[in-house]
Protein backbone atom coordinates (compact mmCIF):
# COMPACT_ATOMS: atom_id res chain seq x y z
CA MET A 1 -22.55 40.90 38.97
CA SER A 2 -23.68 37.31 38.39
CA PRO A 3 -26.24 36.30 35.73
CA SER A 4 -28.80 35.73 38.49
CA ALA A 5 -28.45 39.40 39.49
CA ILE A 6 -29.59 40.88 36.17
CA PRO A 7 -31.76 43.88 37.07
CA ALA A 8 -35.17 44.57 35.61
CA PRO A 9 -35.22 47.00 32.68
CA ARG A 10 -36.30 50.60 33.17
CA ILE A 11 -39.06 50.10 30.62
CA HIS A 12 -40.01 47.36 28.18
CA GLY A 13 -42.69 46.35 25.72
CA PHE A 14 -43.39 45.07 22.21
CA THR A 15 -43.05 46.95 18.95
CA GLN A 16 -46.15 48.21 17.16
CA GLY A 17 -44.48 49.00 13.83
CA THR A 18 -43.36 45.49 12.87
CA ASN A 19 -45.69 42.88 11.41
CA THR A 20 -44.54 40.53 14.18
CA PRO A 21 -44.30 42.17 17.64
CA LEU A 22 -40.70 42.28 18.81
CA TYR A 23 -39.79 42.45 22.48
CA TRP A 24 -37.66 45.45 23.50
CA CYS A 25 -36.32 46.86 26.76
CA ARG A 26 -34.31 49.84 27.96
CA TYR A 27 -31.67 50.22 30.62
CA GLY A 28 -29.96 53.40 31.71
CA THR A 29 -31.22 56.96 32.02
CA ALA A 30 -33.92 58.46 29.83
CA GLY A 31 -32.46 61.30 27.81
CA ALA A 32 -28.90 59.95 27.91
CA PRO A 33 -27.15 59.34 24.57
CA PRO A 34 -28.87 56.37 22.90
CA VAL A 35 -27.12 53.10 22.06
CA VAL A 36 -29.07 50.34 20.28
CA VAL A 37 -27.61 46.92 21.07
CA LEU A 38 -27.88 44.05 18.57
CA HIS A 39 -27.37 40.57 19.99
CA GLY A 40 -25.79 37.63 18.21
CA GLY A 41 -27.26 34.46 16.77
CA PRO A 42 -29.11 34.70 14.49
CA GLY A 43 -32.06 33.21 16.32
CA ALA A 44 -30.85 34.06 19.85
CA HIS A 45 -32.01 36.78 22.28
CA HIS A 46 -30.62 39.85 23.99
CA ASP A 47 -30.28 38.82 27.63
CA TYR A 48 -27.15 36.69 27.34
CA LEU A 49 -25.24 39.95 26.94
CA LEU A 50 -26.38 40.86 30.45
CA PRO A 51 -25.36 41.83 33.01
CA GLN A 52 -21.95 42.70 31.56
CA LEU A 53 -23.01 45.25 28.93
CA LEU A 54 -25.10 47.05 31.52
CA ASP A 55 -21.89 48.70 32.67
CA LEU A 56 -22.63 51.22 29.91
CA ALA A 57 -26.03 52.06 31.43
CA ASP A 58 -24.39 54.54 33.81
CA THR A 59 -23.81 56.88 30.84
CA TYR A 60 -26.03 55.71 27.97
CA ASP A 61 -29.66 54.87 27.30
CA LEU A 62 -29.36 51.24 26.14
CA LEU A 63 -32.08 49.81 23.90
CA PHE A 64 -32.07 46.03 23.47
CA TYR A 65 -34.54 43.96 21.47
CA ASP A 66 -35.02 40.28 20.69
CA GLN A 67 -34.66 39.84 16.95
CA ARG A 68 -37.47 38.11 15.11
CA GLY A 69 -37.68 34.38 15.75
CA GLY A 70 -35.77 34.30 19.04
CA GLY A 71 -36.37 34.93 22.73
CA GLN A 72 -39.58 36.82 23.42
CA SER A 73 -39.89 37.62 19.70
CA LYS A 74 -40.59 34.04 18.64
CA THR A 75 -43.26 33.62 16.01
CA ASP A 76 -45.42 30.80 14.70
CA ASP A 77 -45.12 32.24 11.20
CA ARG A 78 -43.11 29.68 9.20
CA THR A 79 -42.09 32.16 6.52
CA PRO A 80 -38.28 31.97 6.28
CA ILE A 81 -36.53 34.74 8.21
CA THR A 82 -33.74 36.23 6.12
CA TRP A 83 -31.01 38.82 6.55
CA HIS A 84 -33.32 41.27 4.79
CA THR A 85 -36.09 40.50 7.32
CA HIS A 86 -33.74 41.49 10.13
CA VAL A 87 -32.61 44.67 8.35
CA THR A 88 -36.25 45.67 7.75
CA ASP A 89 -37.10 44.93 11.39
CA LEU A 90 -34.17 47.03 12.60
CA ALA A 91 -35.33 49.96 10.48
CA ALA A 92 -38.81 49.65 12.00
CA VAL A 93 -37.45 49.37 15.55
CA LEU A 94 -35.34 52.50 15.07
CA ALA A 95 -38.20 54.44 13.47
CA GLU A 96 -40.53 53.57 16.34
CA LEU A 97 -38.23 53.69 19.34
CA GLU A 98 -35.11 55.67 18.39
CA PRO A 99 -35.73 57.88 15.34
CA ALA A 100 -32.81 60.19 16.17
CA PRO A 101 -29.62 58.71 14.69
CA PRO A 102 -28.27 56.38 17.40
CA THR A 103 -25.07 54.51 17.90
CA ILE A 104 -25.60 50.88 16.96
CA LEU A 105 -23.57 48.43 19.03
CA GLY A 106 -23.53 44.96 17.45
CA TYR A 107 -22.08 41.78 18.88
CA SER A 108 -21.17 38.75 16.72
CA TRP A 109 -24.07 38.23 14.25
CA GLY A 110 -25.38 41.56 15.58
CA GLY A 111 -22.19 43.19 14.29
CA MET A 112 -22.82 41.73 10.86
CA LEU A 113 -26.46 42.84 11.01
CA ALA A 114 -25.28 46.37 11.84
CA LEU A 115 -23.07 46.34 8.75
CA LEU A 116 -25.84 44.97 6.53
CA TYR A 117 -28.08 47.75 7.82
CA ALA A 118 -25.36 50.36 7.25
CA VAL A 119 -24.89 49.25 3.63
CA GLU A 120 -28.64 49.49 3.01
CA ALA A 121 -28.87 52.86 4.78
CA ALA A 122 -25.92 54.27 2.82
CA SER A 123 -27.73 53.29 -0.38
CA GLY A 124 -30.96 54.95 0.79
CA ARG A 125 -32.92 51.72 0.92
CA VAL A 126 -33.66 51.97 4.67
CA THR A 127 -33.95 54.79 7.18
CA PRO A 128 -33.04 56.14 9.64
CA ALA A 129 -29.29 56.10 9.13
CA PRO A 130 -27.15 55.29 12.16
CA ALA A 131 -24.82 57.86 13.67
CA ARG A 132 -22.02 55.34 14.13
CA LEU A 133 -21.33 51.65 14.64
CA ALA A 134 -19.44 49.86 17.42
CA LEU A 135 -18.89 46.23 16.44
CA ILE A 136 -17.72 43.58 18.90
CA ASP A 137 -16.29 40.43 17.28
CA PRO A 138 -18.54 40.66 14.21
CA ALA A 139 -19.55 37.40 12.56
CA PRO A 140 -17.46 36.22 9.60
CA LEU A 141 -18.06 38.63 6.73
CA SER A 142 -17.61 36.12 3.89
CA ARG A 143 -18.61 32.53 3.31
CA GLN A 144 -14.93 31.48 3.27
CA TRP A 145 -14.28 33.03 6.69
CA ARG A 146 -17.45 31.43 8.02
CA THR A 147 -16.22 28.02 6.83
CA GLU A 148 -12.89 28.63 8.58
CA PHE A 149 -14.68 29.66 11.76
CA GLU A 150 -16.90 26.58 11.80
CA ALA A 151 -13.89 24.29 11.38
CA GLU A 152 -11.91 26.03 14.12
CA PHE A 153 -14.79 26.06 16.60
CA ALA A 154 -15.43 22.36 16.00
CA ARG A 155 -11.73 21.63 16.54
CA ARG A 156 -11.72 23.50 19.84
CA GLN A 157 -14.86 21.77 21.10
CA LEU A 158 -13.15 18.42 20.47
CA SER A 159 -9.89 19.49 22.13
CA ALA A 160 -8.34 17.74 25.11
CA GLU A 161 -8.80 20.90 27.19
CA VAL A 162 -12.56 20.94 26.73
CA GLN A 163 -12.81 17.18 27.20
CA THR A 164 -11.00 17.51 30.53
CA LEU A 165 -13.61 20.04 31.64
CA ARG A 166 -16.41 17.72 30.54
CA ASP A 167 -14.85 14.84 32.47
CA ALA A 168 -14.61 17.02 35.58
CA LEU A 169 -18.29 17.89 35.29
CA THR A 170 -19.24 14.22 34.97
CA ALA A 171 -17.16 13.36 38.02
CA SER A 172 -18.57 16.23 40.07
CA GLY A 173 -21.90 14.57 40.75
CA LEU A 174 -23.70 17.85 40.04
CA ARG A 175 -26.20 16.14 37.80
CA GLU A 176 -27.67 14.40 40.85
CA THR A 177 -26.92 16.91 43.60
CA ASP A 178 -27.65 20.22 41.86
CA PRO A 179 -29.41 19.82 38.49
CA ALA A 180 -29.62 23.58 37.91
CA ALA A 181 -25.86 24.00 38.39
CA TYR A 182 -25.30 21.00 36.14
CA ARG A 183 -27.40 22.54 33.35
CA GLN A 184 -25.55 25.84 33.77
CA ARG A 185 -22.16 24.15 33.48
CA THR A 186 -23.31 22.06 30.53
CA PHE A 187 -24.26 25.24 28.70
CA GLU A 188 -20.92 26.86 29.52
CA LEU A 189 -19.00 23.89 28.13
CA SER A 190 -21.11 23.99 24.96
CA VAL A 191 -19.59 27.39 24.19
CA ALA A 192 -16.13 26.89 25.73
CA GLY A 193 -14.53 26.78 22.29
CA TYR A 194 -15.29 30.47 21.85
CA PHE A 195 -12.87 31.37 24.64
CA ALA A 196 -9.11 31.89 24.43
CA ASP A 197 -8.93 29.65 27.51
CA PRO A 198 -11.95 27.33 27.84
CA ARG A 199 -11.58 27.40 31.63
CA ARG A 200 -12.88 30.98 31.52
CA ALA A 201 -16.29 29.85 30.27
CA THR A 202 -17.97 30.53 33.60
CA ASP A 203 -20.70 32.80 35.01
CA LEU A 204 -22.44 33.04 31.63
CA THR A 205 -26.07 33.86 31.05
CA PRO A 206 -27.45 30.89 29.08
CA PHE A 207 -29.29 31.35 25.82
CA ARG A 208 -31.09 29.28 23.21
CA VAL A 209 -30.82 29.59 19.46
CA THR A 210 -33.86 28.88 17.29
CA GLY A 211 -32.25 26.58 14.76
CA ARG A 212 -34.63 27.19 11.86
CA VAL A 213 -34.07 30.94 12.15
CA GLN A 214 -30.30 30.58 12.21
CA GLN A 215 -30.39 28.27 9.21
CA SER A 216 -32.73 30.43 7.13
CA VAL A 217 -30.71 33.59 7.75
CA TRP A 218 -27.39 32.03 6.76
CA GLU A 219 -28.99 30.40 3.72
CA SER A 220 -30.39 33.76 2.64
CA LEU A 221 -26.86 35.18 2.49
CA GLY A 222 -25.74 32.60 -0.05
CA GLU A 223 -22.07 32.76 -1.07
CA PHE A 224 -21.70 36.11 0.61
CA ASP A 225 -18.81 38.55 0.85
CA LEU A 226 -19.66 41.86 2.49
CA ILE A 227 -16.24 43.45 2.18
CA PRO A 228 -16.66 45.05 -1.29
CA ASP A 229 -19.87 46.80 -0.16
CA LEU A 230 -18.32 48.29 2.96
CA ALA A 231 -16.47 51.00 1.06
CA LYS A 232 -19.88 52.63 0.50
CA VAL A 233 -20.51 53.00 4.26
CA PRO A 234 -19.84 56.61 5.38
CA TYR A 235 -20.43 56.19 9.12
CA ASP A 236 -17.87 56.26 11.90
CA VAL A 237 -17.04 52.66 12.90
CA GLN A 238 -15.08 50.93 15.62
CA ILE A 239 -14.35 47.19 15.44
CA ILE A 240 -13.18 45.24 18.49
CA HIS A 241 -11.92 41.68 17.95
CA GLY A 242 -10.35 39.13 20.30
CA ARG A 243 -7.10 37.84 18.85
CA GLN A 244 -7.98 34.24 19.81
CA ASP A 245 -11.55 34.43 18.49
CA PRO A 246 -12.33 31.35 16.36
CA ILE A 247 -13.74 33.86 13.88
CA PRO A 248 -10.71 34.78 11.76
CA LEU A 249 -9.18 38.11 12.69
CA GLU A 250 -8.65 38.62 8.95
CA SER A 251 -12.39 39.21 8.58
CA SER A 252 -12.36 42.20 10.92
CA GLU A 253 -9.05 43.46 9.51
CA ALA A 254 -10.49 43.50 6.00
CA ALA A 255 -13.64 45.23 7.25
CA ALA A 256 -11.61 47.88 9.07
CA ARG A 257 -9.61 48.63 5.93
CA ALA A 258 -12.73 48.90 3.77
CA LEU A 259 -14.54 51.08 6.33
CA ARG A 260 -11.49 53.16 7.26
CA ALA A 261 -12.41 52.13 10.80
CA GLU A 262 -10.59 51.87 14.09
CA LEU A 263 -9.66 48.25 14.85
CA VAL A 264 -8.97 47.29 18.47
CA VAL A 265 -7.45 43.82 18.94
CA LEU A 266 -7.82 42.41 22.45
CA GLU A 267 -4.99 40.10 23.43
CA ASP A 268 -5.55 36.78 25.19
CA CYS A 269 -9.23 37.03 24.32
CA GLY A 270 -11.60 34.96 22.21
CA HIS A 271 -15.15 35.65 21.08
CA VAL A 272 -16.58 36.67 24.47
CA PRO A 273 -14.70 39.85 25.43
CA TYR A 274 -17.50 41.05 27.68
CA VAL A 275 -16.42 38.16 29.97
CA GLU A 276 -12.79 37.49 28.97
CA ALA A 277 -11.53 41.07 28.73
CA HIS A 278 -14.31 43.10 30.28
CA GLY A 279 -12.20 46.03 31.45
CA SER A 280 -10.38 46.42 28.13
CA LEU A 281 -13.62 46.10 26.17
CA MET A 282 -15.42 48.73 28.23
CA ALA A 283 -12.44 51.10 28.02
CA ALA A 284 -12.33 50.81 24.22
CA LEU A 285 -16.09 51.28 23.85
CA ARG A 286 -16.21 54.28 26.16
CA ARG A 287 -13.29 55.91 24.36
CA PHE A 288 -15.14 55.56 21.05
CA LEU A 289 -18.54 56.58 22.38
CA ARG A 290 -17.35 59.75 24.08
CA ARG A 291 -15.50 61.13 21.07
CA PRO A 292 -16.55 64.75 20.36
CA ASP A 293 -18.71 63.74 17.40
CA ALA A 294 -20.45 60.93 19.35
CA VAL A 295 -24.21 61.08 19.71
């Protein structure tokens, strides 16, 4: 399924229980086991995970929402958006739309948000508690790992492989003959460093990141290290990480040890397994989600 073939949601709307309305939508079958999907960013929006994650809609009721400050949840309020803002919003979204303990599926920053929420829920500071967490290539879980990620991603974007792809785009004439295709390819090359092989950065659904939101969230975390707090998290967790992700594998390995979680390492895969290793990713997720104690 190509990005242009993303189907309309079964139902959608805006939250009533948050002080800024947040856009949400559902795919799948009403009454099926619920899975709440948290997109990356921060400051991005849910639809770049589509259509690929909709493979799960044949079995699960998928709830997506645009986190505050991005996508259809943009706001004119200039109050800094912090990690705590996002945790509070997630609690309100769950209370309003999915009060029964759901599985939370978090990708990239969304994986980190899921863990921040789980730490707060385990301490009784937010409700409802999740049933379990499935984390796909979670964001770096300490400031040191984030610094390593930023350096590695920058190195990849400046690599000869990516420059060759940029040169091919320039020579293609698409800018003049097909501006929409040119913009699509320009976006794909802007994220090519996330892939194990930058040539696989194709057929992606573009997204925009609201820079001020991204900056304020990361600043709010300070010199963070989530690993020590993860031992307090009692929920069942699966972590999936591409071995060639520019985010250090050590971050997910340390999280898995602290959480006593299953760690699935996808070979020949970077940070975008829903494109690079779609079959393996779906198989791992379905295996986790259909376990006897799964919601």
